[in-house]
Amino acid sequence: DLWVLRLDARGNLLWDKTFGGKNDDRARAVAALPDGGVVVAGYTWSKGAGEKDMWVLRLDERGNLIWDKTFGGKNDDRARAVAVLPDGGVVVAGDTESKGAGRLNMWVLRLDVNDGTP
């Protein structure tokens, strides 16, 4: 499962949460939101369209899930980085074997921070 922890400035645990299912689910990147929440990006084998699918989650300041979205096709698709843009949008970068011209291609998505839609 994907595991997210929030620590204070002294390294004390404020909260920790796990997300995932019966298969392999991993976080690869996290970005802080201005409201105190976070966006986590990685991949899941527990849900989605195929093998590994790109998985993006938005959590509130207490670690509660606001939304999660999977992106991908029948092959492996993974998020590797996430950033919050000045206008509040979210950009996710990763790789895909389901789209593009060859076996492994770069994939960049811009998402709405409110609901995760591209």
PDB file of N, CA and C in Angstrom:
ATOM      1  N   ASP A   1       0.833  -1.195   0.000  1.00  0.00           N
ATOM      2  CA  ASP A   1       0.000   0.000   0.000  1.00  0.00           C
ATOM      3  C   ASP A   1       0.870   1.248   0.000  1.00  0.00           C
ATOM      4  N   LEU A   2       0.280   2.314  -0.457  1.00  0.00           N
ATOM      5  CA  LEU A   2       0.902   3.634  -0.436  1.00  0.00           C
ATOM      6  C   LEU A   2       0.780   4.169   0.992  1.00  0.00           C
ATOM      7  N   TRP A   3       1.861   4.716   1.550  1.00  0.00           N
ATOM      8  CA  TRP A   3       1.886   5.181   2.944  1.00  0.00           C
ATOM      9  C   TRP A   3       2.306   6.637   2.949  1.00  0.00           C
ATOM     10  N   VAL A   4       1.500   7.496   3.585  1.00  0.00           N
ATOM     11  CA  VAL A   4       1.783   8.926   3.663  1.00  0.00           C
ATOM     12  C   VAL A   4       1.839   9.321   5.134  1.00  0.00           C
ATOM     13  N   LEU A   5       2.895  10.042   5.512  1.00  0.00           N
ATOM     14  CA  LEU A   5       3.062  10.514   6.880  1.00  0.00           C
ATOM     15  C   LEU A   5       3.230  12.031   6.870  1.00  0.00           C
ATOM     16  N   ARG A   6       2.695  12.694   7.885  1.00  0.00           N
ATOM     17  CA  ARG A   6       2.927  14.127   8.043  1.00  0.00           C
ATOM     18  C   ARG A   6       3.619  14.330   9.380  1.00  0.00           C
ATOM     19  N   LEU A   7       4.743  15.046   9.326  1.00  0.00           N
ATOM     20  CA  LEU A   7       5.542  15.324  10.509  1.00  0.00           C
ATOM     21  C   LEU A   7       5.545  16.811  10.789  1.00  0.00           C
ATOM     22  N   ASP A   8       5.722  17.188  12.055  1.00  0.00           N
ATOM     23  CA  ASP A   8       5.884  18.604  12.364  1.00  0.00           C
ATOM     24  C   ASP A   8       7.351  18.992  12.163  1.00  0.00           C
ATOM     25  N   ALA A   9       7.694  20.237  12.460  1.00  0.00           N
ATOM     26  CA  ALA A   9       9.048  20.738  12.226  1.00  0.00           C
ATOM     27  C   ALA A   9      10.102  19.993  13.051  1.00  0.00           C
ATOM     28  N   ARG A  10       9.698  19.381  14.142  1.00  0.00           N
ATOM     29  CA  ARG A  10      10.628  18.638  14.996  1.00  0.00           C
ATOM     30  C   ARG A  10      10.689  17.155  14.660  1.00  0.00           C
ATOM     31  N   GLY A  11       9.918  16.732  13.654  1.00  0.00           N
ATOM     32  CA  GLY A  11       9.922  15.336  13.250  1.00  0.00           C
ATOM     33  C   GLY A  11       8.917  14.470  13.984  1.00  0.00           C
ATOM     34  N   ASN A  12       8.031  15.091  14.755  1.00  0.00           N
ATOM     35  CA  ASN A  12       6.992  14.333  15.445  1.00  0.00           C
ATOM     36  C   ASN A  12       5.867  13.992  14.483  1.00  0.00           C
ATOM     37  N   LEU A  13       5.347  12.786  14.593  1.00  0.00           N
ATOM     38  CA  LEU A  13       4.276  12.323  13.725  1.00  0.00           C
ATOM     39  C   LEU A  13       2.969  13.050  14.053  1.00  0.00           C
ATOM     40  N   LEU A  14       2.379  13.686  13.028  1.00  0.00           N
ATOM     41  CA  LEU A  14       1.066  14.312  13.177  1.00  0.00           C
ATOM     42  C   LEU A  14      -0.029  13.349  12.753  1.00  0.00           C
ATOM     43  N   TRP A  15       0.189  12.633  11.648  1.00  0.00           N
ATOM     44  CA  TRP A  15      -0.741  11.601  11.188  1.00  0.00           C
ATOM     45  C   TRP A  15      -0.033  10.704  10.188  1.00  0.00           C
ATOM     46  N   ASP A  16      -0.571   9.515   9.992  1.00  0.00           N
ATOM     47  CA  ASP A  16      -0.118   8.647   8.913  1.00  0.00           C
ATOM     48  C   ASP A  16      -1.332   7.900   8.381  1.00  0.00           C
ATOM     49  N   LYS A  17      -1.350   7.700   7.072  1.00  0.00           N
ATOM     50  CA  LYS A  17      -2.468   7.047   6.385  1.00  0.00           C
ATOM     51  C   LYS A  17      -1.917   6.088   5.341  1.00  0.00           C
ATOM     52  N   THR A  18      -2.654   5.019   5.109  1.00  0.00           N
ATOM     53  CA  THR A  18      -2.331   4.120   4.012  1.00  0.00           C
ATOM     54  C   THR A  18      -3.508   4.074   3.054  1.00  0.00           C
ATOM     55  N   PHE A  19      -3.174   3.889   1.777  1.00  0.00           N
ATOM     56  CA  PHE A  19      -4.171   3.802   0.718  1.00  0.00           C
ATOM     57  C   PHE A  19      -3.754   2.677  -0.212  1.00  0.00           C
ATOM     58  N   GLY A  20      -4.713   1.915  -0.682  1.00  0.00           N
ATOM     59  CA  GLY A  20      -4.401   0.861  -1.625  1.00  0.00           C
ATOM     60  C   GLY A  20      -5.329  -0.317  -1.479  1.00  0.00           C
ATOM     61  N   GLY A  21      -4.989  -1.353  -2.217  1.00  0.00           N
ATOM     62  CA  GLY A  21      -5.807  -2.553  -2.234  1.00  0.00           C
ATOM     63  C   GLY A  21      -4.950  -3.780  -2.040  1.00  0.00           C
ATOM     64  N   LYS A  22      -5.386  -4.881  -2.635  1.00  0.00           N
ATOM     65  CA  LYS A  22      -4.710  -6.158  -2.412  1.00  0.00           C
ATOM     66  C   LYS A  22      -3.413  -6.304  -3.191  1.00  0.00           C
ATOM     67  N   ASN A  23      -3.182  -5.458  -4.203  1.00  0.00           N
ATOM     68  CA  ASN A  23      -1.964  -5.559  -5.009  1.00  0.00           C
ATOM     69  C   ASN A  23      -0.992  -4.438  -4.679  1.00  0.00           C
ATOM     70  N   ASP A  24       0.061  -4.310  -5.471  1.00  0.00           N
ATOM     71  CA  ASP A  24       1.135  -3.349  -5.254  1.00  0.00           C
ATOM     72  C   ASP A  24       0.660  -1.919  -5.543  1.00  0.00           C
ATOM     73  N   ASP A  25       0.808  -1.028  -4.579  1.00  0.00           N
ATOM     74  CA  ASP A  25       0.443   0.383  -4.727  1.00  0.00           C
ATOM     75  C   ASP A  25       1.565   1.211  -4.113  1.00  0.00           C
ATOM     76  N   ARG A  26       2.106   2.167  -4.887  1.00  0.00           N
ATOM     77  CA  ARG A  26       3.279   2.902  -4.418  1.00  0.00           C
ATOM     78  C   ARG A  26       3.175   4.394  -4.677  1.00  0.00           C
ATOM     79  N   ALA A  27       3.687   5.164  -3.731  1.00  0.00           N
ATOM     80  CA  ALA A  27       3.842   6.607  -3.899  1.00  0.00           C
ATOM     81  C   ALA A  27       5.226   6.869  -4.461  1.00  0.00           C
ATOM     82  N   ARG A  28       5.319   7.832  -5.364  1.00  0.00           N
ATOM     83  CA  ARG A  28       6.616   8.213  -5.938  1.00  0.00           C
ATOM     84  C   ARG A  28       6.926   9.690  -5.734  1.00  0.00           C
ATOM     85  N   ALA A  29       5.881  10.511  -5.450  1.00  0.00           N
ATOM     86  CA  ALA A  29       6.109  11.951  -5.308  1.00  0.00           C
ATOM     87  C   ALA A  29       4.979  12.559  -4.498  1.00  0.00           C
ATOM     88  N   VAL A  30       5.276  13.673  -3.837  1.00  0.00           N
ATOM     89  CA  VAL A  30       4.277  14.398  -3.061  1.00  0.00           C
ATOM     90  C   VAL A  30       4.532  15.894  -3.206  1.00  0.00           C
ATOM     91  N   ALA A  31       3.457  16.679  -3.209  1.00  0.00           N
ATOM     92  CA  ALA A  31       3.577  18.141  -3.286  1.00  0.00           C
ATOM     93  C   ALA A  31       2.594  18.758  -2.292  1.00  0.00           C
ATOM     94  N   ALA A  32       3.048  19.805  -1.606  1.00  0.00           N
ATOM     95  CA  ALA A  32       2.214  20.510  -0.630  1.00  0.00           C
ATOM     96  C   ALA A  32       1.301  21.508  -1.324  1.00  0.00           C
ATOM     97  N   LEU A  33       0.064  21.583  -0.843  1.00  0.00           N
ATOM     98  CA  LEU A  33      -0.911  22.544  -1.351  1.00  0.00           C
ATOM     99  C   LEU A  33      -0.993  23.745  -0.409  1.00  0.00           C
ATOM    100  N   PRO A  34      -1.376  24.903  -0.925  1.00  0.00           N
ATOM    101  CA  PRO A  34      -1.460  26.100  -0.079  1.00  0.00           C
ATOM    102  C   PRO A  34      -2.429  25.955   1.098  1.00  0.00           C
ATOM    103  N   ASP A  35      -3.448  25.095   0.984  1.00  0.00           N
ATOM    104  CA  ASP A  35      -4.433  24.924   2.052  1.00  0.00           C
ATOM    105  C   ASP A  35      -3.983  23.950   3.147  1.00  0.00           C
ATOM    106  N   GLY A  36      -2.753  23.447   3.045  1.00  0.00           N
ATOM    107  CA  GLY A  36      -2.238  22.502   4.028  1.00  0.00           C
ATOM    108  C   GLY A  36      -2.378  21.050   3.611  1.00  0.00           C
ATOM    109  N   GLY A  37      -3.109  20.807   2.537  1.00  0.00           N
ATOM    110  CA  GLY A  37      -3.244  19.453   2.019  1.00  0.00           C
ATOM    111  C   GLY A  37      -2.051  19.062   1.174  1.00  0.00           C
ATOM    112  N   VAL A  38      -2.112  17.863   0.599  1.00  0.00           N
ATOM    113  CA  VAL A  38      -1.041  17.366  -0.259  1.00  0.00           C
ATOM    114  C   VAL A  38      -1.629  16.634  -1.455  1.00  0.00           C
ATOM    115  N   VAL A  39      -0.833  16.564  -2.505  1.00  0.00           N
ATOM    116  CA  VAL A  39      -1.133  15.727  -3.663  1.00  0.00           C
ATOM    117  C   VAL A  39      -0.046  14.662  -3.712  1.00  0.00           C
ATOM    118  N   VAL A  40      -0.456  13.411  -3.808  1.00  0.00           N
ATOM    119  CA  VAL A  40       0.462  12.277  -3.854  1.00  0.00           C
ATOM    120  C   VAL A  40       0.311  11.605  -5.212  1.00  0.00           C
ATOM    121  N   ALA A  41       1.423  11.245  -5.830  1.00  0.00           N
ATOM    122  CA  ALA A  41       1.384  10.595  -7.143  1.00  0.00           C
ATOM    123  C   ALA A  41       2.264   9.354  -7.121  1.00  0.00           C
ATOM    124  N   GLY A  42       1.818   8.341  -7.831  1.00  0.00           N
ATOM    125  CA  GLY A  42       2.560   7.100  -7.921  1.00  0.00           C
ATOM    126  C   GLY A  42       1.875   6.160  -8.885  1.00  0.00           C
ATOM    127  N   TYR A  43       1.684   4.901  -8.441  1.00  0.00           N
ATOM    128  CA  TYR A  43       0.957   3.961  -9.281  1.00  0.00           C
ATOM    129  C   TYR A  43       0.213   2.946  -8.432  1.00  0.00           C
ATOM    130  N   THR A  44      -0.762   2.310  -9.057  1.00  0.00           N
ATOM    131  CA  THR A  44      -1.535   1.266  -8.403  1.00  0.00           C
ATOM    132  C   THR A  44      -1.688   0.070  -9.323  1.00  0.00           C
ATOM    133  N   TRP A  45      -1.664  -1.097  -8.732  1.00  0.00           N
ATOM    134  CA  TRP A  45      -1.998  -2.335  -9.416  1.00  0.00           C
ATOM    135  C   TRP A  45      -3.339  -2.855  -8.896  1.00  0.00           C
ATOM    136  N   SER A  46      -3.900  -2.157  -7.903  1.00  0.00           N
ATOM    137  CA  SER A  46      -5.136  -2.612  -7.263  1.00  0.00           C
ATOM    138  C   SER A  46      -6.395  -2.142  -7.967  1.00  0.00           C
ATOM    139  N   LYS A  47      -6.286  -1.096  -8.769  1.00  0.00           N
ATOM    140  CA  LYS A  47      -7.446  -0.601  -9.508  1.00  0.00           C
ATOM    141  C   LYS A  47      -6.977   0.070 -10.773  1.00  0.00           C
ATOM    142  N   GLY A  48      -7.897   0.415 -11.633  1.00  0.00           N
ATOM    143  CA  GLY A  48      -7.536   1.062 -12.883  1.00  0.00           C
ATOM    144  C   GLY A  48      -7.814   0.180 -14.076  1.00  0.00           C
ATOM    145  N   ALA A  49      -7.180   0.537 -15.203  1.00  0.00           N
ATOM    146  CA  ALA A  49      -7.521  -0.073 -16.489  1.00  0.00           C
ATOM    147  C   ALA A  49      -6.663  -1.262 -16.877  1.00  0.00           C
ATOM    148  N   GLY A  50      -5.501  -1.423 -16.246  1.00  0.00           N
ATOM    149  CA  GLY A  50      -4.626  -2.488 -16.728  1.00  0.00           C
ATOM    150  C   GLY A  50      -3.616  -2.907 -15.702  1.00  0.00           C
ATOM    151  N   GLU A  51      -2.380  -3.037 -16.137  1.00  0.00           N
ATOM    152  CA  GLU A  51      -1.292  -3.405 -15.234  1.00  0.00           C
ATOM    153  C   GLU A  51      -1.143  -2.299 -14.192  1.00  0.00           C
ATOM    154  N   LYS A  52       0.013  -1.671 -14.105  1.00  0.00           N
ATOM    155  CA  LYS A  52       0.180  -0.520 -13.219  1.00  0.00           C
ATOM    156  C   LYS A  52      -0.486   0.687 -13.875  1.00  0.00           C
ATOM    157  N   ASP A  53      -1.274   1.420 -13.128  1.00  0.00           N
ATOM    158  CA  ASP A  53      -1.867   2.661 -13.623  1.00  0.00           C
ATOM    159  C   ASP A  53      -1.381   3.826 -12.782  1.00  0.00           C
ATOM    160  N   MET A  54      -1.165   4.971 -13.441  1.00  0.00           N
ATOM    161  CA  MET A  54      -0.815   6.184 -12.738  1.00  0.00           C
ATOM    162  C   MET A  54      -1.919   6.464 -11.720  1.00  0.00           C
ATOM    163  N   TRP A  55      -1.521   6.837 -10.496  1.00  0.00           N
ATOM    164  CA  TRP A  55      -2.485   7.079  -9.428  1.00  0.00           C
ATOM    165  C   TRP A  55      -2.154   8.404  -8.763  1.00  0.00           C
ATOM    166  N   VAL A  56      -3.138   9.287  -8.686  1.00  0.00           N
ATOM    167  CA  VAL A  56      -2.964  10.601  -8.079  1.00  0.00           C
ATOM    168  C   VAL A  56      -4.048  10.762  -7.012  1.00  0.00           C
ATOM    169  N   LEU A  57      -3.633  11.181  -5.822  1.00  0.00           N
ATOM    170  CA  LEU A  57      -4.546  11.361  -4.697  1.00  0.00           C
ATOM    171  C   LEU A  57      -4.407  12.765  -4.138  1.00  0.00           C
ATOM    172  N   ARG A  58      -5.517  13.362  -3.741  1.00  0.00           N
ATOM    173  CA  ARG A  58      -5.481  14.625  -3.010  1.00  0.00           C
ATOM    174  C   ARG A  58      -5.971  14.355  -1.593  1.00  0.00           C
ATOM    175  N   LEU A  59      -5.161  14.778  -0.617  1.00  0.00           N
ATOM    176  CA  LEU A  59      -5.491  14.616   0.794  1.00  0.00           C
ATOM    177  C   LEU A  59      -5.651  15.979   1.438  1.00  0.00           C
ATOM    178  N   ASP A  60      -6.512  16.082   2.448  1.00  0.00           N
ATOM    179  CA  ASP A  60      -6.643  17.343   3.168  1.00  0.00           C
ATOM    180  C   ASP A  60      -5.539  17.456   4.212  1.00  0.00           C
ATOM    181  N   GLU A  61      -5.557  18.510   5.003  1.00  0.00           N
ATOM    182  CA  GLU A  61      -4.490  18.767   5.971  1.00  0.00           C
ATOM    183  C   GLU A  61      -4.412  17.712   7.074  1.00  0.00           C
ATOM    184  N   ARG A  62      -5.445  16.888   7.218  1.00  0.00           N
ATOM    185  CA  ARG A  62      -5.445  15.810   8.213  1.00  0.00           C
ATOM    186  C   ARG A  62      -5.171  14.432   7.587  1.00  0.00           C
ATOM    187  N   GLY A  63      -4.923  14.420   6.281  1.00  0.00           N
ATOM    188  CA  GLY A  63      -4.634  13.165   5.598  1.00  0.00           C
ATOM    189  C   GLY A  63      -5.854  12.424   5.096  1.00  0.00           C
ATOM    190  N   ASN A  64      -7.015  13.062   5.170  1.00  0.00           N
ATOM    191  CA  ASN A  64      -8.242  12.436   4.666  1.00  0.00           C
ATOM    192  C   ASN A  64      -8.312  12.575   3.153  1.00  0.00           C
ATOM    193  N   LEU A  65      -8.761  11.523   2.499  1.00  0.00           N
ATOM    194  CA  LEU A  65      -8.852  11.498   1.044  1.00  0.00           C
ATOM    195  C   LEU A  65      -9.958  12.432   0.554  1.00  0.00           C
ATOM    196  N   ILE A  66      -9.601  13.359  -0.341  1.00  0.00           N
ATOM    197  CA  ILE A  66     -10.585  14.228  -0.999  1.00  0.00           C
ATOM    198  C   ILE A  66     -10.985  13.598  -2.327  1.00  0.00           C
ATOM    199  N   TRP A  67      -9.993  13.177  -3.125  1.00  0.00           N
ATOM    200  CA  TRP A  67     -10.256  12.450  -4.367  1.00  0.00           C
ATOM    201  C   TRP A  67      -9.039  11.623  -4.731  1.00  0.00           C
ATOM    202  N   ASP A  68      -9.266  10.610  -5.552  1.00  0.00           N
ATOM    203  CA  ASP A  68      -8.165   9.867  -6.158  1.00  0.00           C
ATOM    204  C   ASP A  68      -8.580   9.493  -7.574  1.00  0.00           C
ATOM    205  N   LYS A  69      -7.619   9.523  -8.481  1.00  0.00           N
ATOM    206  CA  LYS A  69      -7.858   9.230  -9.899  1.00  0.00           C
ATOM    207  C   LYS A  69      -6.768   8.299 -10.404  1.00  0.00           C
ATOM    208  N   THR A  70      -7.182   7.396 -11.295  1.00  0.00           N
ATOM    209  CA  THR A  70      -6.207   6.576 -12.003  1.00  0.00           C
ATOM    210  C   THR A  70      -6.220   6.972 -13.472  1.00  0.00           C
ATOM    211  N   PHE A  71      -5.045   6.867 -14.096  1.00  0.00           N
ATOM    212  CA  PHE A  71      -4.878   7.183 -15.506  1.00  0.00           C
ATOM    213  C   PHE A  71      -4.020   6.093 -16.123  1.00  0.00           C
ATOM    214  N   GLY A  72      -4.431   5.615 -17.280  1.00  0.00           N
ATOM    215  CA  GLY A  72      -3.622   4.624 -17.966  1.00  0.00           C
ATOM    216  C   GLY A  72      -4.443   3.692 -18.822  1.00  0.00           C
ATOM    217  N   GLY A  73      -3.741   2.747 -19.403  1.00  0.00           N
ATOM    218  CA  GLY A  73      -4.351   1.767 -20.291  1.00  0.00           C
ATOM    219  C   GLY A  73      -4.001   0.368 -19.850  1.00  0.00           C
ATOM    220  N   LYS A  74      -3.882  -0.540 -20.822  1.00  0.00           N
ATOM    221  CA  LYS A  74      -3.686  -1.948 -20.487  1.00  0.00           C
ATOM    222  C   LYS A  74      -2.266  -2.287 -20.044  1.00  0.00           C
ATOM    223  N   ASN A  75      -1.290  -1.397 -20.309  1.00  0.00           N
ATOM    224  CA  ASN A  75       0.094  -1.652 -19.924  1.00  0.00           C
ATOM    225  C   ASN A  75       0.491  -0.791 -18.726  1.00  0.00           C
ATOM    226  N   ASP A  76       1.776  -0.778 -18.400  1.00  0.00           N
ATOM    227  CA  ASP A  76       2.259  -0.037 -17.232  1.00  0.00           C
ATOM    228  C   ASP A  76       2.254   1.476 -17.479  1.00  0.00           C
ATOM    229  N   ASP A  77       1.752   2.213 -16.494  1.00  0.00           N
ATOM    230  CA  ASP A  77       1.706   3.681 -16.522  1.00  0.00           C
ATOM    231  C   ASP A  77       1.984   4.151 -15.099  1.00  0.00           C
ATOM    232  N   ARG A  78       3.001   4.993 -14.928  1.00  0.00           N
ATOM    233  CA  ARG A  78       3.440   5.367 -13.593  1.00  0.00           C
ATOM    234  C   ARG A  78       3.697   6.862 -13.488  1.00  0.00           C
ATOM    235  N   ALA A  79       3.286   7.465 -12.386  1.00  0.00           N
ATOM    236  CA  ALA A  79       3.660   8.841 -12.065  1.00  0.00           C
ATOM    237  C   ALA A  79       5.022   8.814 -11.391  1.00  0.00           C
ATOM    238  N   ARG A  80       5.848   9.799 -11.713  1.00  0.00           N
ATOM    239  CA  ARG A  80       7.191   9.887 -11.120  1.00  0.00           C
ATOM    240  C   ARG A  80       7.408  11.201 -10.384  1.00  0.00           C
ATOM    241  N   ALA A  81       6.613  12.251 -10.739  1.00  0.00           N
ATOM    242  CA  ALA A  81       6.785  13.570 -10.122  1.00  0.00           C
ATOM    243  C   ALA A  81       5.454  14.300 -10.122  1.00  0.00           C
ATOM    244  N   VAL A  82       5.275  15.204  -9.156  1.00  0.00           N
ATOM    245  CA  VAL A  82       4.065  16.022  -9.077  1.00  0.00           C
ATOM    246  C   VAL A  82       4.453  17.404  -8.563  1.00  0.00           C
ATOM    247  N   ALA A  83       3.772  18.423  -9.070  1.00  0.00           N
ATOM    248  CA  ALA A  83       4.020  19.799  -8.627  1.00  0.00           C
ATOM    249  C   ALA A  83       2.708  20.569  -8.640  1.00  0.00           C
ATOM    250  N   VAL A  84       2.622  21.541  -7.747  1.00  0.00           N
ATOM    251  CA  VAL A  84       1.473  22.445  -7.707  1.00  0.00           C
ATOM    252  C   VAL A  84       1.874  23.716  -8.442  1.00  0.00           C
ATOM    253  N   LEU A  85       1.036  24.139  -9.378  1.00  0.00           N
ATOM    254  CA  LEU A  85       1.309  25.306 -10.200  1.00  0.00           C
ATOM    255  C   LEU A  85       0.837  26.580  -9.503  1.00  0.00           C
ATOM    256  N   PRO A  86       1.375  27.750  -9.873  1.00  0.00           N
ATOM    257  CA  PRO A  86       0.970  29.007  -9.239  1.00  0.00           C
ATOM    258  C   PRO A  86      -0.528  29.296  -9.322  1.00  0.00           C
ATOM    259  N   ASP A  87      -1.187  28.816 -10.370  1.00  0.00           N
ATOM    260  CA  ASP A  87      -2.627  29.057 -10.503  1.00  0.00           C
ATOM    261  C   ASP A  87      -3.468  28.026  -9.746  1.00  0.00           C
ATOM    262  N   GLY A  88      -2.825  27.120  -9.009  1.00  0.00           N
ATOM    263  CA  GLY A  88      -3.547  26.121  -8.231  1.00  0.00           C
ATOM    264  C   GLY A  88      -3.694  24.782  -8.908  1.00  0.00           C
ATOM    265  N   GLY A  89      -3.375  24.690 -10.187  1.00  0.00           N
ATOM    266  CA  GLY A  89      -3.446  23.411 -10.881  1.00  0.00           C
ATOM    267  C   GLY A  89      -2.350  22.473 -10.420  1.00  0.00           C
ATOM    268  N   VAL A  90      -2.442  21.234 -10.841  1.00  0.00           N
ATOM    269  CA  VAL A  90      -1.467  20.208 -10.492  1.00  0.00           C
ATOM    270  C   VAL A  90      -0.915  19.626 -11.788  1.00  0.00           C
ATOM    271  N   VAL A  91       0.398  19.450 -11.866  1.00  0.00           N
ATOM    272  CA  VAL A  91       1.010  18.796 -13.010  1.00  0.00           C
ATOM    273  C   VAL A  91       1.687  17.515 -12.522  1.00  0.00           C
ATOM    274  N   VAL A  92       1.449  16.435 -13.265  1.00  0.00           N
ATOM    275  CA  VAL A  92       2.002  15.121 -12.931  1.00  0.00           C
ATOM    276  C   VAL A  92       2.808  14.648 -14.131  1.00  0.00           C
ATOM    277  N   ALA A  93       4.015  14.177 -13.883  1.00  0.00           N
ATOM    278  CA  ALA A  93       4.860  13.639 -14.950  1.00  0.00           C
ATOM    279  C   ALA A  93       5.206  12.198 -14.621  1.00  0.00           C
ATOM    280  N   GLY A  94       5.271  11.399 -15.677  1.00  0.00           N
ATOM    281  CA  GLY A  94       5.610  10.000 -15.481  1.00  0.00           C
ATOM    282  C   GLY A  94       5.909   9.324 -16.795  1.00  0.00           C
ATOM    283  N   ASP A  95       5.666   8.028 -16.844  1.00  0.00           N
ATOM    284  CA  ASP A  95       5.900   7.291 -18.077  1.00  0.00           C
ATOM    285  C   ASP A  95       4.734   6.362 -18.352  1.00  0.00           C
ATOM    286  N   THR A  96       4.568   6.042 -19.626  1.00  0.00           N
ATOM    287  CA  THR A  96       3.474   5.190 -20.062  1.00  0.00           C
ATOM    288  C   THR A  96       3.951   4.188 -21.094  1.00  0.00           C
ATOM    289  N   GLU A  97       3.432   2.996 -20.997  1.00  0.00           N
ATOM    290  CA  GLU A  97       3.615   1.984 -22.027  1.00  0.00           C
ATOM    291  C   GLU A  97       2.301   1.758 -22.767  1.00  0.00           C
ATOM    292  N   SER A  98       1.253   2.496 -22.377  1.00  0.00           N
ATOM    293  CA  SER A  98      -0.069   2.342 -22.986  1.00  0.00           C
ATOM    294  C   SER A  98      -0.340   3.362 -24.087  1.00  0.00           C
ATOM    295  N   LYS A  99       0.380   4.465 -24.092  1.00  0.00           N
ATOM    296  CA  LYS A  99       0.159   5.538 -25.063  1.00  0.00           C
ATOM    297  C   LYS A  99       1.474   5.894 -25.735  1.00  0.00           C
ATOM    298  N   GLY A 100       1.403   6.628 -26.830  1.00  0.00           N
ATOM    299  CA  GLY A 100       2.603   7.139 -27.454  1.00  0.00           C
ATOM    300  C   GLY A 100       3.096   6.301 -28.616  1.00  0.00           C
ATOM    301  N   ALA A 101       4.315   6.619 -29.046  1.00  0.00           N
ATOM    302  CA  ALA A 101       4.847   6.063 -30.285  1.00  0.00           C
ATOM    303  C   ALA A 101       5.657   4.791 -30.105  1.00  0.00           C
ATOM    304  N   GLY A 102       6.102   4.515 -28.888  1.00  0.00           N
ATOM    305  CA  GLY A 102       6.963   3.356 -28.715  1.00  0.00           C
ATOM    306  C   GLY A 102       6.651   2.610 -27.449  1.00  0.00           C
ATOM    307  N   ARG A 103       7.599   1.816 -27.005  1.00  0.00           N
ATOM    308  CA  ARG A 103       7.394   0.980 -25.830  1.00  0.00           C
ATOM    309  C   ARG A 103       7.216   1.802 -24.562  1.00  0.00           C
ATOM    310  N   LEU A 104       8.089   2.760 -24.305  1.00  0.00           N
ATOM    311  CA  LEU A 104       8.027   3.580 -23.095  1.00  0.00           C
ATOM    312  C   LEU A 104       8.073   5.043 -23.503  1.00  0.00           C
ATOM    313  N   ASN A 105       7.083   5.809 -23.072  1.00  0.00           N
ATOM    314  CA  ASN A 105       6.970   7.208 -23.447  1.00  0.00           C
ATOM    315  C   ASN A 105       6.773   8.074 -22.212  1.00  0.00           C
ATOM    316  N   MET A 106       7.230   9.332 -22.297  1.00  0.00           N
ATOM    317  CA  MET A 106       6.982  10.293 -21.249  1.00  0.00           C
ATOM    318  C   MET A 106       5.510  10.678 -21.290  1.00  0.00           C
ATOM    319  N   TRP A 107       4.935  10.956 -20.100  1.00  0.00           N
ATOM    320  CA  TRP A 107       3.526  11.348 -20.027  1.00  0.00           C
ATOM    321  C   TRP A 107       3.393  12.464 -19.011  1.00  0.00           C
ATOM    322  N   VAL A 108       2.806  13.575 -19.433  1.00  0.00           N
ATOM    323  CA  VAL A 108       2.587  14.727 -18.552  1.00  0.00           C
ATOM    324  C   VAL A 108       1.102  15.066 -18.564  1.00  0.00           C
ATOM    325  N   LEU A 109       0.519  15.215 -17.391  1.00  0.00           N
ATOM    326  CA  LEU A 109      -0.896  15.565 -17.261  1.00  0.00           C
ATOM    327  C   LEU A 109      -1.032  16.810 -16.400  1.00  0.00           C
ATOM    328  N   ARG A 110      -1.970  17.655 -16.762  1.00  0.00           N
ATOM    329  CA  ARG A 110      -2.346  18.784 -15.911  1.00  0.00           C
ATOM    330  C   ARG A 110      -3.735  18.475 -15.360  1.00  0.00           C
ATOM    331  N   LEU A 111      -3.888  18.560 -14.049  1.00  0.00           N
ATOM    332  CA  LEU A 111      -5.129  18.199 -13.388  1.00  0.00           C
ATOM    333  C   LEU A 111      -5.712  19.389 -12.629  1.00  0.00           C
ATOM    334  N   ASP A 112      -7.034  19.390 -12.510  1.00  0.00           N
ATOM    335  CA  ASP A 112      -7.725  20.374 -11.679  1.00  0.00           C
ATOM    336  C   ASP A 112      -7.572  19.937 -10.225  1.00  0.00           C
ATOM    337  N   VAL A 113      -7.090  20.812  -9.378  1.00  0.00           N
ATOM    338  CA  VAL A 113      -6.841  20.460  -7.976  1.00  0.00           C
ATOM    339  C   VAL A 113      -8.141  20.157  -7.233  1.00  0.00           C
ATOM    340  N   ASN A 114      -9.260  20.678  -7.689  1.00  0.00           N
ATOM    341  CA  ASN A 114     -10.524  20.489  -6.994  1.00  0.00           C
ATOM    342  C   ASN A 114     -11.114  19.099  -7.157  1.00  0.00           C
ATOM    343  N   ASP A 115     -10.948  18.506  -8.356  1.00  0.00           N
ATOM    344  CA  ASP A 115     -11.587  17.202  -8.594  1.00  0.00           C
ATOM    345  C   ASP A 115     -10.712  16.198  -9.356  1.00  0.00           C
ATOM    346  N   GLY A 116      -9.497  16.591  -9.731  1.00  0.00           N
ATOM    347  CA  GLY A 116      -8.590  15.664 -10.397  1.00  0.00           C
ATOM    348  C   GLY A 116      -8.844  15.436 -11.872  1.00  0.00           C
ATOM    349  N   THR A 117      -9.741  16.227 -12.477  1.00  0.00           N
ATOM    350  CA  THR A 117      -9.980  16.046 -13.897  1.00  0.00           C
ATOM    351  C   THR A 117      -8.853  16.671 -14.713  1.00  0.00           C
ATOM    352  N   PRO A 118      -8.510  16.020 -15.842  1.00  0.00           N
ATOM    353  CA  PRO A 118      -7.464  16.595 -16.712  1.00  0.00           C
ATOM    354  C   PRO A 118      -7.945  17.853 -17.425  1.00  0.00           C
TER     355      PRO A 118
END
